[in-house]
């Protein structure tokens, strides 16, 4: 209520107070109409490209005969680890005029700065999201027996995919489509880095321009009105989708109980590996290599050869300001992730009660709410006391990201065996002891995974931070964005490399730890007939 509902209500209050005439004048202006059309059209295009791409990767990696399958299943998630605005900036350094490919082979993409480049980078950054949802859907809903029966009846692999596999994935693919659309609608960093220099505006970049650069008092009202438009668009898409799809997505059966899916020709598996390798080289490999090259090259325009390499750009950006910003970023991310896990756990417990479903839906709405909208709402509501402070940025993180902690914890709670808790209570354990020894151990991977996702997301968040920071409250992501806007190519590349390393270094060991916890199930948490019998006796006595 305090984090979300009240700030959004303040947006409505300001728009109503200004009157319908002013709002109508703002929304009917050619610039606003163009930004709105660009936002919706871009989101639809990203959805139509990213969801099939992510689904194709999930279907291809479903088979164990793909060479290097374990590696590819991790590698396809690399665009998630790279901050979105860093990925966008790296594409400009890789494929733009005088960029990496232009210097090496004389080939560049003329439209990398513009709607085409924005579309390509958003597809690359959201395809892993579609992949994850499709992979989870395949694990929970696939029917290998039906697929093998269809193949035995003479159906081709394409026919089986079209008539058996994809129909079972419809809820997951629908959820992926909604999520990718909303993520693209709220995207700010990529349109700002790649679209704004070419005059391509979206609603999020228009809000940023109104708040950061405009001097007309009407610009603030315009920013508030556009923020409210984004709220309405998001709610109109997410609320019905969550109410319709959420019950269908909660499947508790064991994945692929009848064994692996049908086998295919070895050449097909090699083609899958080759396709994934080519995609990752274009989407992530070359851009990051170009980013590193720009950070190491002595000056813009020099060929990226060892004789022109230097560490001067890194020495230039590693100063007191960036070190302090790094400390603020890490501190905010750690604190936000820790508080969000507690909030997510409370919401997950509340979801099983009568009115908890509405709270869970609200968490999805706030995650889908554009960061620029939420930042404006919080600034209006609490700016009198917290403007320009780290506290306001922390509040924004908490308001925006609690669904990232809530959903993994809810899934882990759904998989708990109630009889184990009953058995522990029947054996004399207190509620706290039963929760600590029976519930928390199998939930450890989900809790650690939720903390890691919240930490990484908060660490590279730039949309809300760029609107809410003040003197002494800059985060490292804001410094990178400001450097890019000033046209400092070498220092910006060096800062981007440092921020990417800052994301990747803690992500890998924590991910490995999460995997080990998930694979290791303590012996005392495995249900047995004695525990079930004790639980039944406890219920009878209760």
Protein backbone atom coordinates (compact mmCIF):
# COMPACT_ATOMS: atom_id res chain seq x y z
CA UNK A 1 0.00 0.00 0.00
CA UNK A 2 2.64 2.55 1.09
CA UNK A 3 5.14 1.49 -1.58
CA UNK A 4 2.83 1.29 -4.61
CA UNK A 5 -0.84 2.19 -4.18
CA UNK A 6 -0.32 5.57 -2.53
CA UNK A 7 2.27 6.81 -5.08
CA UNK A 8 0.09 5.74 -8.03
CA UNK A 9 -2.90 7.46 -6.40
CA UNK A 10 -0.84 10.65 -6.25
CA UNK A 11 -0.25 10.41 -9.99
CA UNK A 12 -4.00 10.23 -10.56
CA UNK A 13 -4.57 13.15 -8.20
CA UNK A 14 -2.15 15.42 -10.08
CA UNK A 15 -3.62 14.55 -13.48
CA UNK A 16 -7.17 15.17 -12.20
CA UNK A 17 -6.14 18.42 -10.51
CA UNK A 18 -4.61 19.76 -13.72
CA UNK A 19 -7.90 19.15 -15.48
CA UNK A 20 -9.05 17.18 -18.48
CA UNK A 21 -8.19 20.01 -20.86
CA UNK A 22 -4.51 20.06 -19.99
CA UNK A 23 -4.24 16.27 -20.06
CA UNK A 24 -6.00 16.11 -23.41
CA UNK A 25 -3.67 18.77 -24.82
CA UNK A 26 -0.63 16.83 -23.63
CA UNK A 27 -1.77 13.44 -24.88
CA UNK A 28 -2.81 14.82 -28.27
CA UNK A 29 0.55 16.42 -29.06
CA UNK A 30 2.38 14.89 -32.05
CA UNK A 31 5.50 14.11 -29.98
CA UNK A 32 3.54 12.16 -27.38
CA UNK A 33 1.54 10.28 -30.01
CA UNK A 34 4.76 9.34 -31.80
CA UNK A 35 6.37 8.14 -28.56
CA UNK A 36 3.27 6.09 -27.69
CA UNK A 37 3.12 4.47 -31.12
CA UNK A 38 6.85 3.72 -30.98
CA UNK A 39 6.53 2.14 -27.53
CA UNK A 40 3.60 -0.12 -28.36
CA UNK A 41 4.89 -1.04 -31.82
CA UNK A 42 8.37 -1.79 -30.47
CA UNK A 43 6.96 -3.97 -27.67
CA UNK A 44 4.80 -5.97 -30.07
CA UNK A 45 7.71 -6.49 -32.47
CA UNK A 46 10.03 -7.64 -29.66
CA UNK A 47 7.36 -10.05 -28.42
CA UNK A 48 6.83 -11.54 -31.89
CA UNK A 49 10.57 -12.16 -32.30
CA UNK A 50 11.82 -12.96 -28.78
CA UNK A 51 9.18 -15.52 -27.78
CA UNK A 52 9.69 -17.79 -30.83
CA UNK A 53 13.47 -17.43 -30.43
CA UNK A 54 13.38 -18.35 -26.74
CA UNK A 55 10.99 -21.23 -27.42
CA UNK A 56 13.22 -22.57 -30.17
CA UNK A 57 16.21 -22.53 -27.81
CA UNK A 58 14.23 -24.35 -25.10
CA UNK A 59 12.97 -27.00 -27.53
CA UNK A 60 16.42 -27.48 -29.04
CA UNK A 61 18.15 -27.86 -25.67
CA UNK A 62 15.50 -30.26 -24.40
CA UNK A 63 17.37 -33.19 -25.96
CA UNK A 64 20.39 -34.54 -24.09
CA UNK A 65 22.27 -35.36 -27.30
CA UNK A 66 23.08 -31.71 -28.08
CA UNK A 67 26.89 -31.32 -27.94
CA UNK A 68 27.84 -29.27 -24.89
CA UNK A 69 24.23 -29.08 -23.70
CA UNK A 70 25.13 -28.14 -20.09
CA UNK A 71 27.25 -25.25 -21.35
CA UNK A 72 24.59 -23.96 -23.76
CA UNK A 73 21.90 -24.00 -21.07
CA UNK A 74 23.99 -21.54 -19.08
CA UNK A 75 25.35 -19.57 -22.04
CA UNK A 76 21.89 -18.63 -23.38
CA UNK A 77 21.35 -16.70 -20.13
CA UNK A 78 24.40 -14.46 -20.65
CA UNK A 79 22.34 -11.50 -21.93
CA UNK A 80 20.58 -11.46 -18.54
CA UNK A 81 23.89 -11.05 -16.69
CA UNK A 82 24.99 -8.14 -18.89
CA UNK A 83 23.19 -4.92 -17.85
CA UNK A 84 20.71 -3.87 -20.51
CA UNK A 85 22.22 -0.45 -21.22
CA UNK A 86 25.72 -1.98 -21.34
CA UNK A 87 24.49 -4.49 -23.92
CA UNK A 88 22.99 -1.66 -25.97
CA UNK A 89 26.14 0.43 -25.78
CA UNK A 90 28.30 -2.59 -26.68
CA UNK A 91 26.24 -3.13 -29.83
CA UNK A 92 26.97 0.42 -30.95
CA UNK A 93 30.68 -0.22 -30.41
CA UNK A 94 30.52 -3.56 -32.24
CA UNK A 95 28.38 -2.83 -35.29
CA UNK A 96 28.30 0.96 -35.64
CA UNK A 97 30.31 3.12 -38.00
CA UNK A 98 34.01 2.98 -37.04
CA UNK A 99 33.10 0.16 -34.67
CA UNK A 100 34.73 -3.19 -34.07
CA UNK A 101 33.50 -5.01 -37.19
CA UNK A 102 34.06 -1.93 -39.31
CA UNK A 103 37.68 -1.74 -38.18
CA UNK A 104 38.31 -5.46 -38.69
CA UNK A 105 36.45 -6.34 -41.88
CA UNK A 106 35.04 -3.03 -43.10
CA UNK A 107 31.41 -3.96 -42.33
CA UNK A 108 29.06 -1.88 -40.19
CA UNK A 109 25.31 -1.57 -39.61
CA UNK A 110 24.05 1.83 -40.63
CA UNK A 111 20.85 1.51 -38.58
CA UNK A 112 22.32 0.29 -35.30
CA UNK A 113 21.45 3.70 -33.82
CA UNK A 114 17.71 3.80 -34.33
CA UNK A 115 14.63 1.59 -34.05
CA UNK A 116 16.32 -1.38 -35.74
CA UNK A 117 19.16 -1.47 -33.24
CA UNK A 118 16.80 -0.98 -30.29
CA UNK A 119 14.65 -3.85 -31.54
CA UNK A 120 17.63 -6.19 -32.00
CA UNK A 121 19.08 -5.54 -28.54
CA UNK A 122 15.71 -5.85 -26.79
CA UNK A 123 15.12 -9.18 -28.55
CA UNK A 124 18.55 -10.38 -27.41
CA UNK A 125 17.91 -9.28 -23.81
CA UNK A 126 14.36 -10.69 -23.52
CA UNK A 127 14.80 -13.97 -25.42
CA UNK A 128 16.38 -15.60 -22.31
CA UNK A 129 13.22 -14.74 -20.36
CA UNK A 130 11.10 -16.51 -22.97
CA UNK A 131 13.58 -19.40 -22.94
CA UNK A 132 13.26 -19.84 -19.17
CA UNK A 133 9.46 -19.86 -19.25
CA UNK A 134 9.38 -22.26 -22.20
CA UNK A 135 11.94 -24.56 -20.55
CA UNK A 136 9.92 -24.63 -17.32
CA UNK A 137 6.79 -25.31 -19.35
CA UNK A 138 8.47 -28.22 -21.13
CA UNK A 139 9.64 -29.65 -17.82
CA UNK A 140 6.21 -29.40 -16.20
CA UNK A 141 3.75 -29.99 -19.05
CA UNK A 142 5.47 -32.03 -21.79
CA UNK A 143 4.16 -35.53 -22.58
CA UNK A 144 6.98 -37.63 -24.09
CA UNK A 145 4.70 -40.66 -24.46
CA UNK A 146 2.36 -38.69 -26.72
CA UNK A 147 5.30 -37.45 -28.78
CA UNK A 148 6.70 -40.95 -29.23
CA UNK A 149 3.25 -42.27 -30.11
CA UNK A 150 2.86 -39.58 -32.75
CA UNK A 151 6.28 -40.41 -34.23
CA UNK A 152 5.42 -44.13 -34.22
CA UNK A 153 2.25 -43.27 -36.15
CA UNK A 154 4.30 -41.66 -38.90
CA UNK A 155 4.24 -37.99 -37.88
CA UNK A 156 7.33 -35.94 -38.66
CA UNK A 157 9.25 -34.02 -36.00
CA UNK A 158 7.72 -30.75 -37.19
CA UNK A 159 4.21 -32.20 -37.02
CA UNK A 160 4.81 -33.51 -33.48
CA UNK A 161 6.09 -30.10 -32.42
CA UNK A 162 3.08 -28.33 -33.97
CA UNK A 163 0.33 -30.71 -32.85
CA UNK A 164 1.60 -32.11 -29.52
CA UNK A 165 4.41 -30.10 -27.89
CA UNK A 166 3.41 -26.49 -28.61
CA UNK A 167 -0.28 -26.91 -27.67
CA UNK A 168 0.81 -28.17 -24.24
CA UNK A 169 3.04 -25.09 -23.91
CA UNK A 170 0.31 -22.54 -24.63
CA UNK A 171 0.01 -21.23 -21.03
CA UNK A 172 3.79 -20.86 -20.72
CA UNK A 173 4.11 -19.19 -24.11
CA UNK A 174 1.24 -16.84 -23.32
CA UNK A 175 2.90 -15.89 -20.04
CA UNK A 176 6.21 -15.36 -21.86
CA UNK A 177 4.49 -13.13 -24.43
CA UNK A 178 2.92 -10.95 -21.75
CA UNK A 179 6.16 -10.67 -19.81
CA UNK A 180 8.29 -9.85 -22.85
CA UNK A 181 5.75 -7.25 -24.02
CA UNK A 182 5.73 -5.53 -20.64
CA UNK A 183 9.51 -5.64 -20.25
CA UNK A 184 9.89 -4.04 -23.66
CA UNK A 185 7.21 -1.43 -22.88
CA UNK A 186 9.01 -0.32 -19.72
CA UNK A 187 12.52 -0.46 -21.20
CA UNK A 188 14.38 2.81 -20.87
CA UNK A 189 18.12 2.18 -21.12
CA UNK A 190 18.29 0.65 -24.61
CA UNK A 191 15.96 3.23 -26.25
CA UNK A 192 17.90 6.00 -24.51
CA UNK A 193 21.34 4.73 -25.54
CA UNK A 194 20.50 3.57 -29.07
CA UNK A 195 17.29 5.34 -30.01
CA UNK A 196 17.61 8.87 -28.63
CA UNK A 197 20.70 9.79 -30.71
CA UNK A 198 18.71 8.91 -33.85
CA UNK A 199 15.56 10.76 -32.74
CA UNK A 200 13.65 7.58 -31.88
CA UNK A 201 11.61 8.30 -28.74
CA UNK A 202 9.47 6.09 -26.53
CA UNK A 203 7.24 6.93 -23.59
CA UNK A 204 10.00 6.10 -21.11
CA UNK A 205 12.63 8.27 -22.82
CA UNK A 206 10.07 11.06 -23.16
CA UNK A 207 9.41 10.95 -19.40
CA UNK A 208 13.17 11.05 -18.75
CA UNK A 209 13.62 14.03 -21.05
CA UNK A 210 10.71 15.91 -19.45
CA UNK A 211 12.13 15.42 -15.95
CA UNK A 212 15.83 15.85 -16.70
CA UNK A 213 16.19 18.42 -19.47
CA UNK A 214 12.96 20.40 -19.95
CA UNK A 215 12.49 23.81 -18.31
CA UNK A 216 8.80 24.28 -19.15
CA UNK A 217 6.60 23.76 -16.02
CA UNK A 218 4.15 21.87 -18.24
CA UNK A 219 6.85 19.24 -18.84
CA UNK A 220 6.43 17.89 -15.31
CA UNK A 221 2.69 17.53 -15.80
CA UNK A 222 3.37 15.82 -19.12
CA UNK A 223 5.75 13.37 -17.42
CA UNK A 224 3.10 12.56 -14.81
CA UNK A 225 0.41 12.08 -17.46
CA UNK A 226 2.65 9.78 -19.52
CA UNK A 227 3.55 7.82 -16.40
CA UNK A 228 -0.15 7.29 -15.71
CA UNK A 229 -0.67 6.15 -19.31
CA UNK A 230 2.02 3.51 -18.80
CA UNK A 231 0.30 2.41 -15.58
CA UNK A 232 -3.00 1.93 -17.43
CA UNK A 233 -1.35 0.09 -20.33
CA UNK A 234 0.51 -2.23 -17.98
CA UNK A 235 -2.53 -2.96 -15.81
CA UNK A 236 -4.69 -3.63 -18.87
CA UNK A 237 -2.24 -6.28 -20.06
CA UNK A 238 -0.95 -7.84 -16.85
CA UNK A 239 -4.01 -8.04 -14.57
CA UNK A 240 -6.21 -10.22 -16.83
CA UNK A 241 -3.22 -12.27 -17.96
CA UNK A 242 -2.17 -13.04 -14.39
CA UNK A 243 -5.71 -13.95 -13.34
CA UNK A 244 -6.14 -16.25 -16.35
CA UNK A 245 -2.73 -17.85 -16.65
CA UNK A 246 -1.50 -18.15 -13.08
CA UNK A 247 -3.74 -21.11 -12.09
CA UNK A 248 -2.82 -22.94 -15.31
CA UNK A 249 0.90 -22.45 -14.75
CA UNK A 250 0.96 -23.98 -11.28
CA UNK A 251 1.64 -27.61 -12.19
CA UNK A 252 3.01 -29.88 -9.49
CA UNK A 253 3.55 -33.20 -11.32
CA UNK A 254 7.05 -34.55 -11.88
CA UNK A 255 8.57 -33.47 -15.17
CA UNK A 256 8.83 -36.06 -17.96
CA UNK A 257 7.77 -39.07 -15.88
CA UNK A 258 7.95 -41.46 -18.80
CA UNK A 259 11.50 -40.66 -19.85
CA UNK A 260 13.17 -38.42 -22.38
CA UNK A 261 11.49 -37.22 -25.57
CA UNK A 262 11.95 -39.03 -28.85
CA UNK A 263 15.46 -39.10 -30.31
CA UNK A 264 16.48 -37.34 -33.50
CA UNK A 265 19.26 -37.46 -36.03
CA UNK A 266 22.75 -36.52 -34.75
CA UNK A 267 23.03 -33.89 -37.47
CA UNK A 268 20.01 -32.07 -36.05
CA UNK A 269 21.68 -31.82 -32.64
CA UNK A 270 24.83 -30.44 -34.22
CA UNK A 271 22.76 -27.84 -36.07
CA UNK A 272 21.19 -26.80 -32.74
CA UNK A 273 24.63 -26.30 -31.18
CA UNK A 274 25.86 -24.39 -34.25
CA UNK A 275 22.80 -22.15 -34.24
CA UNK A 276 23.13 -21.35 -30.55
CA UNK A 277 26.82 -20.61 -30.97
CA UNK A 278 26.19 -18.25 -33.89
CA UNK A 279 23.41 -16.45 -32.03
CA UNK A 280 25.49 -15.93 -28.89
CA UNK A 281 28.50 -14.71 -30.87
CA UNK A 282 26.38 -12.07 -32.62
CA UNK A 283 24.20 -11.11 -29.63
CA UNK A 284 26.76 -11.13 -26.82
CA UNK A 285 30.23 -12.29 -27.85
CA UNK A 286 31.19 -9.67 -30.44
CA UNK A 287 29.53 -6.76 -28.58
CA UNK A 288 31.38 -7.57 -25.34
CA UNK A 289 34.62 -8.04 -27.25
CA UNK A 290 34.07 -4.67 -28.91
CA UNK A 291 33.36 -3.11 -25.53
CA UNK A 292 36.61 -4.46 -24.11
CA UNK A 293 38.46 -3.31 -27.23
CA UNK A 294 37.05 0.22 -26.90
CA UNK A 295 38.06 0.28 -23.24
CA UNK A 296 41.64 -0.81 -24.05
CA UNK A 297 42.24 1.18 -27.25
CA UNK A 298 44.25 4.35 -26.76
CA UNK A 299 41.97 6.64 -28.82
CA UNK A 300 38.84 6.52 -30.93
CA UNK A 301 39.52 5.59 -34.55
CA UNK A 302 42.70 3.62 -33.93
CA UNK A 303 42.61 -0.03 -35.01
CA UNK A 304 42.14 -2.47 -32.10
CA UNK A 305 45.60 -4.02 -32.23
CA UNK A 306 47.90 -4.72 -29.25
CA UNK A 307 50.19 -1.82 -30.08
CA UNK A 308 47.28 0.58 -29.44
CA UNK A 309 46.16 -1.00 -26.17
CA UNK A 310 46.40 0.85 -22.87
CA UNK A 311 44.87 0.80 -19.37
CA UNK A 312 44.56 4.58 -19.25
CA UNK A 313 40.76 4.48 -19.58
CA UNK A 314 40.47 2.18 -16.58
CA UNK A 315 42.86 4.35 -14.56
CA UNK A 316 40.82 7.40 -15.53
CA UNK A 317 37.48 6.03 -14.34
CA UNK A 318 38.69 4.31 -11.16
CA UNK A 319 38.59 7.43 -9.02
CA UNK A 320 37.01 8.38 -5.73
CA UNK A 321 33.66 9.18 -7.33
CA UNK A 322 33.30 5.81 -9.06
CA UNK A 323 34.56 3.88 -6.02
CA UNK A 324 32.01 5.61 -3.81
CA UNK A 325 29.30 4.92 -6.40
CA UNK A 326 30.37 1.27 -6.49
CA UNK A 327 30.06 1.04 -2.71
CA UNK A 328 26.60 2.62 -2.84
CA UNK A 329 25.49 0.25 -5.61
CA UNK A 330 26.66 -2.88 -3.80
CA UNK A 331 25.27 -1.72 -0.46
CA UNK A 332 21.88 -0.87 -1.95
CA UNK A 333 21.75 -4.17 -3.83
CA UNK A 334 22.63 -6.27 -0.75
CA UNK A 335 20.16 -4.45 1.49
CA UNK A 336 17.38 -4.49 -1.11
CA UNK A 337 17.84 -8.19 -1.87
CA UNK A 338 17.79 -9.14 1.81
CA UNK A 339 14.64 -7.13 2.56
CA UNK A 340 12.95 -8.34 -0.63
CA UNK A 341 13.45 -12.01 0.31
CA UNK A 342 11.69 -11.33 3.63
CA UNK A 343 8.86 -9.49 1.85
CA UNK A 344 8.59 -12.22 -0.77
CA UNK A 345 8.37 -14.90 1.90
CA UNK A 346 5.61 -13.03 3.73
CA UNK A 347 3.63 -12.56 0.51
CA UNK A 348 4.10 -16.24 -0.39
CA UNK A 349 2.65 -17.26 2.99
CA UNK A 350 -0.16 -14.74 2.65
CA UNK A 351 -1.02 -16.01 -0.84
CA UNK A 352 -2.45 -19.23 0.62
CA UNK A 353 -5.05 -17.26 2.58
CA UNK A 354 -8.34 -15.85 1.38
CA UNK A 355 -7.20 -12.39 0.31
CA UNK A 356 -3.62 -13.28 -0.52
CA UNK A 357 -4.23 -13.76 -4.23
CA UNK A 358 -4.81 -10.04 -4.73
CA UNK A 359 -1.50 -9.21 -3.05
CA UNK A 360 0.30 -11.69 -5.32
CA UNK A 361 -1.30 -10.11 -8.40
CA UNK A 362 -0.21 -6.66 -7.16
CA UNK A 363 3.38 -7.88 -6.95
CA UNK A 364 3.28 -8.79 -10.66
CA UNK A 365 1.72 -5.43 -11.52
CA UNK A 366 4.47 -3.53 -9.72
CA UNK A 367 7.18 -5.59 -11.43
CA UNK A 368 5.56 -4.85 -14.79
CA UNK A 369 5.13 -1.17 -13.91
CA UNK A 370 7.68 0.91 -15.84
CA UNK A 371 10.51 2.07 -13.63
CA UNK A 372 10.17 5.64 -14.86
CA UNK A 373 6.51 5.67 -13.82
CA UNK A 374 7.25 4.31 -10.37
CA UNK A 375 10.13 6.77 -9.92
CA UNK A 376 7.89 9.73 -10.77
CA UNK A 377 5.17 8.47 -8.42
CA UNK A 378 7.61 8.00 -5.52
CA UNK A 379 9.23 11.37 -6.17
CA UNK A 380 5.85 13.09 -5.99
CA UNK A 381 4.78 11.22 -2.87
CA UNK A 382 7.95 11.15 -0.78
CA UNK A 383 10.22 13.64 -2.52
CA UNK A 384 9.51 16.33 0.07
CA UNK A 385 11.42 14.30 2.66
CA UNK A 386 13.60 11.89 0.68
CA UNK A 387 14.44 13.63 -2.63
CA UNK A 388 17.95 12.90 -3.87
CA UNK A 389 18.69 10.37 -1.11
CA UNK A 390 19.70 6.73 -1.17
CA UNK A 391 16.64 5.93 0.94
CA UNK A 392 14.32 6.94 -1.88
CA UNK A 393 16.25 4.77 -4.34
CA UNK A 394 16.02 1.85 -1.90
CA UNK A 395 12.27 2.37 -1.55
CA UNK A 396 12.00 2.31 -5.34
CA UNK A 397 13.89 -1.00 -5.49
CA UNK A 398 11.62 -2.51 -2.84
CA UNK A 399 8.47 -1.29 -4.57
CA UNK A 400 9.55 -2.54 -7.97
CA UNK A 401 11.24 -5.88 -7.37
CA UNK A 402 9.30 -7.79 -4.70
CA UNK A 403 7.75 -10.14 -7.29
CA UNK A 404 11.26 -11.38 -8.16
CA UNK A 405 11.53 -12.74 -4.61
CA UNK A 406 7.91 -13.74 -4.18
CA UNK A 407 7.49 -16.03 -7.21
CA UNK A 408 10.47 -18.39 -6.59
CA UNK A 409 9.55 -18.70 -2.92
CA UNK A 410 5.91 -19.43 -3.79
CA UNK A 411 7.00 -22.19 -6.17
CA UNK A 412 9.18 -23.73 -3.44
CA UNK A 413 6.31 -23.59 -0.94
CA UNK A 414 4.04 -25.39 -3.40
CA UNK A 415 6.53 -28.28 -3.53
CA UNK A 416 6.78 -28.75 0.23
CA UNK A 417 5.24 -31.95 1.65
CA UNK A 418 2.76 -30.92 4.41
CA UNK A 419 3.07 -34.32 6.11
CA UNK A 420 6.68 -33.55 7.04
CA UNK A 421 5.63 -30.50 9.07
CA UNK A 422 2.83 -32.49 10.74
CA UNK A 423 5.31 -35.25 11.61
CA UNK A 424 7.76 -32.76 13.12
CA UNK A 425 5.02 -31.17 15.21
CA UNK A 426 3.76 -34.61 16.31
CA UNK A 427 7.30 -35.45 17.43
CA UNK A 428 7.32 -32.47 19.79
CA UNK A 429 9.02 -29.79 17.66
CA UNK A 430 7.89 -26.21 18.11
CA UNK A 431 6.57 -24.23 15.14
CA UNK A 432 9.87 -22.38 14.79
CA UNK A 433 11.93 -25.57 15.01
CA UNK A 434 9.71 -27.35 12.49
CA UNK A 435 9.94 -24.45 10.06
CA UNK A 436 13.73 -24.18 10.48
CA UNK A 437 14.55 -27.87 10.18
CA UNK A 438 11.87 -29.10 7.78
CA UNK A 439 10.79 -26.17 5.60
CA UNK A 440 13.86 -23.95 5.27
CA UNK A 441 16.28 -26.69 4.22
CA UNK A 442 14.49 -27.75 1.02
CA UNK A 443 13.66 -24.09 0.36
CA UNK A 444 17.29 -22.96 0.60
CA UNK A 445 17.89 -23.07 -3.20
CA UNK A 446 14.79 -20.98 -3.86
CA UNK A 447 15.70 -18.45 -1.17
CA UNK A 448 19.27 -18.13 -2.44
CA UNK A 449 18.06 -17.92 -6.05
CA UNK A 450 15.54 -15.21 -5.16
CA UNK A 451 18.24 -13.24 -3.31
CA UNK A 452 20.64 -13.55 -6.24
CA UNK A 453 18.08 -12.39 -8.82
CA UNK A 454 17.09 -9.40 -6.67
CA UNK A 455 20.74 -8.52 -6.00
CA UNK A 456 21.75 -8.59 -9.66
CA UNK A 457 18.66 -6.69 -10.78
CA UNK A 458 19.17 -3.96 -8.19
CA UNK A 459 22.89 -3.78 -8.95
CA UNK A 460 22.41 -2.77 -12.59
CA UNK A 461 19.11 -0.86 -12.24
CA UNK A 462 19.39 2.49 -13.99
CA UNK A 463 15.89 3.70 -14.92
CA UNK A 464 14.70 4.66 -11.43
CA UNK A 465 18.17 5.55 -10.17
CA UNK A 466 18.75 8.04 -13.00
CA UNK A 467 15.57 9.92 -12.03
CA UNK A 468 15.91 9.76 -8.25
CA UNK A 469 19.61 10.27 -7.52
CA UNK A 470 21.02 13.48 -6.09
CA UNK A 471 24.41 14.78 -4.97
CA UNK A 472 26.17 11.98 -3.14
CA UNK A 473 23.65 9.27 -4.12
CA UNK A 474 24.82 8.28 -7.59
CA UNK A 475 25.03 4.59 -8.34
CA UNK A 476 27.61 3.09 -10.68
CA UNK A 477 24.98 2.48 -13.37
CA UNK A 478 24.05 6.19 -13.30
CA UNK A 479 27.70 7.18 -13.72
CA UNK A 480 27.99 4.90 -16.76
CA UNK A 481 24.83 6.38 -18.30
CA UNK A 482 26.00 9.96 -17.67
CA UNK A 483 29.38 9.18 -19.21
CA UNK A 484 27.70 7.75 -22.31
CA UNK A 485 25.50 10.84 -22.69
CA UNK A 486 28.65 13.01 -22.58
CA UNK A 487 30.12 11.01 -25.50
CA UNK A 488 33.14 9.69 -23.57
CA UNK A 489 33.62 6.45 -25.52
CA UNK A 490 36.74 5.03 -23.89
CA UNK A 491 35.81 5.82 -20.26
CA UNK A 492 32.23 4.67 -20.83
CA UNK A 493 33.47 1.37 -22.24
CA UNK A 494 35.82 0.91 -19.27
CA UNK A 495 33.02 1.61 -16.79
CA UNK A 496 30.74 -0.78 -18.66
CA UNK A 497 33.35 -3.54 -18.50
CA UNK A 498 33.75 -3.00 -14.77
CA UNK A 499 29.99 -3.08 -14.19
CA UNK A 500 29.63 -6.27 -16.24
CA UNK A 501 32.41 -7.92 -14.22
CA UNK A 502 30.71 -6.74 -11.06
CA UNK A 503 27.58 -8.58 -12.22
CA UNK A 504 29.30 -11.76 -13.35
CA UNK A 505 31.75 -12.30 -10.47
CA UNK A 506 29.16 -12.86 -7.70
CA UNK A 507 26.62 -14.46 -10.04
CA UNK A 508 28.72 -17.51 -10.96
CA UNK A 509 29.64 -18.81 -7.47
CA UNK A 510 26.19 -18.10 -6.07
CA UNK A 511 24.61 -19.91 -9.01
CA UNK A 512 26.89 -22.91 -8.46
CA UNK A 513 25.97 -22.94 -4.75
CA UNK A 514 22.28 -22.77 -5.64
CA UNK A 515 22.69 -25.73 -8.00
CA UNK A 516 24.41 -27.80 -5.32
CA UNK A 517 21.71 -27.02 -2.79
CA UNK A 518 19.04 -27.96 -5.31
CA UNK A 519 20.69 -31.28 -6.14
CA UNK A 520 21.34 -32.21 -2.51
CA UNK A 521 18.20 -33.10 -0.58
CA UNK A 522 18.85 -33.86 3.09
CA UNK A 523 17.92 -37.34 4.19
CA UNK A 524 15.81 -36.11 7.04
CA UNK A 525 13.51 -34.24 4.66
CA UNK A 526 12.58 -37.29 2.58
CA UNK A 527 9.03 -38.36 3.47
CA UNK A 528 8.59 -41.94 4.68
CA UNK A 529 5.57 -44.01 5.75
CA UNK A 530 6.32 -43.50 9.46
CA UNK A 531 6.21 -39.73 9.12
CA UNK A 532 2.99 -39.87 7.15
CA UNK A 533 1.47 -42.14 9.82
CA UNK A 534 2.58 -39.74 12.58
CA UNK A 535 1.09 -36.86 10.63
CA UNK A 536 -2.22 -38.68 10.31
CA UNK A 537 -2.28 -39.36 14.06
CA UNK A 538 -1.49 -35.72 14.73
CA UNK A 539 -4.37 -34.62 12.51
CA UNK A 540 -6.71 -37.07 14.26
CA UNK A 541 -5.74 -35.73 17.70
CA UNK A 542 -6.02 -32.13 16.48
